[in-house]
Amino acid sequence: FYVYILYSKSIDRYYIGQTKNLRDRLTRHNNSSTRFTSRAKDWEIVFTEEFPTRSEAMKRESQIKCQKSRKFIEELISHAEGRRD
């Protein structure tokens, strides 16, 4: 299970979610008619964390969302990118 953060350049917004299948979920967001993600069709995955269970992924998703902070999200993404280099 994954926690993911999507970014849309066209609306300059982030979206946080959790799923078992990242590729399928991204496709559904970009073809979505749901309230938030329907605002854009250029969502891209900018951050992921993997968890062994859905409940752990849901807990982490809530932790990130509770921050209600773009700065927190961007720092999280930045630290993850630093680990990949």
Protein backbone atom coordinates (compact mmCIF):
# COMPACT_ATOMS: atom_id res chain seq x y z
CA PHE A 1 0.00 0.00 0.00
CA TYR A 2 1.19 3.48 -0.82
CA VAL A 3 0.68 7.01 0.38
CA TYR A 4 1.17 9.36 -2.54
CA ILE A 5 1.26 13.04 -3.28
CA LEU A 6 0.20 14.28 -6.68
CA TYR A 7 0.97 17.68 -8.15
CA SER A 8 -0.80 19.57 -10.91
CA LYS A 9 1.23 22.29 -12.56
CA SER A 10 -1.83 23.79 -14.29
CA ILE A 11 -3.57 24.60 -10.99
CA ASP A 12 -0.42 24.58 -8.78
CA ARG A 13 -2.00 22.24 -6.22
CA TYR A 14 -1.11 19.07 -4.35
CA TYR A 15 -3.35 16.09 -3.63
CA ILE A 16 -2.64 13.44 -0.97
CA GLY A 17 -4.07 9.93 -1.08
CA GLN A 18 -3.42 6.24 -0.50
CA THR A 19 -3.81 3.22 -2.74
CA LYS A 20 -2.65 -0.29 -3.48
CA ASN A 21 -2.04 0.40 -7.21
CA LEU A 22 -0.29 3.69 -7.99
CA ARG A 23 -0.47 3.46 -11.79
CA ASP A 24 -4.21 2.74 -11.82
CA ARG A 25 -4.94 5.44 -9.24
CA LEU A 26 -3.03 8.09 -11.20
CA THR A 27 -4.93 7.16 -14.36
CA ARG A 28 -8.22 7.47 -12.50
CA HIS A 29 -7.24 10.88 -11.07
CA ASN A 30 -6.31 12.22 -14.51
CA ASN A 31 -9.60 10.96 -15.97
CA SER A 32 -11.60 11.84 -12.90
CA SER A 33 -14.88 13.54 -12.44
CA THR A 34 -14.39 13.66 -8.67
CA ARG A 35 -14.61 17.03 -7.01
CA PHE A 36 -10.99 17.92 -6.36
CA THR A 37 -8.96 16.09 -8.99
CA SER A 38 -11.35 16.96 -11.83
CA ARG A 39 -9.93 20.49 -11.69
CA ALA A 40 -6.88 19.32 -13.67
CA LYS A 41 -5.80 16.56 -16.05
CA ASP A 42 -2.04 16.85 -15.55
CA TRP A 43 -1.58 15.18 -12.15
CA GLU A 44 1.80 13.59 -11.62
CA ILE A 45 3.16 11.56 -8.71
CA VAL A 46 5.79 13.58 -6.84
CA PHE A 47 6.04 11.52 -3.64
CA THR A 48 5.34 7.98 -2.43
CA GLU A 49 5.81 6.00 0.76
CA GLU A 50 5.16 2.26 0.95
CA PHE A 51 3.41 0.47 3.85
CA PRO A 52 2.70 -3.20 4.56
CA THR A 53 -0.98 -2.60 5.41
CA ARG A 54 -3.78 -0.27 4.28
CA SER A 55 -4.38 0.85 7.86
CA GLU A 56 -0.77 2.05 8.19
CA ALA A 57 -1.03 3.88 4.87
CA MET A 58 -4.29 5.49 5.94
CA LYS A 59 -2.72 6.60 9.23
CA ARG A 60 0.20 8.22 7.40
CA GLU A 61 -2.14 9.86 4.88
CA SER A 62 -4.06 11.42 7.78
CA GLN A 63 -0.83 12.63 9.42
CA ILE A 64 0.19 14.45 6.24
CA LYS A 65 -3.28 15.90 5.62
CA CYS A 66 -3.56 17.11 9.22
CA GLN A 67 -0.53 19.34 8.73
CA LYS A 68 -2.59 21.50 6.33
CA SER A 69 0.68 22.98 5.17
CA ARG A 70 2.03 23.37 1.65
CA LYS A 71 5.47 24.03 3.18
CA PHE A 72 5.33 20.69 5.05
CA ILE A 73 4.36 18.85 1.84
CA GLU A 74 7.12 20.51 -0.18
CA GLU A 75 9.71 19.71 2.52
CA LEU A 76 8.53 16.08 2.56
CA ILE A 77 8.93 15.89 -1.22
CA SER A 78 12.31 17.63 -1.09
CA HIS A 79 13.67 15.23 1.54
CA ALA A 80 12.47 12.23 -0.48
CA GLU A 81 14.17 13.58 -3.62
CA GLY A 82 17.37 14.04 -1.64
CA ARG A 83 17.36 10.38 -0.64
CA ARG A 84 17.09 9.30 -4.30
CA ASP A 85 20.18 11.24 -5.41
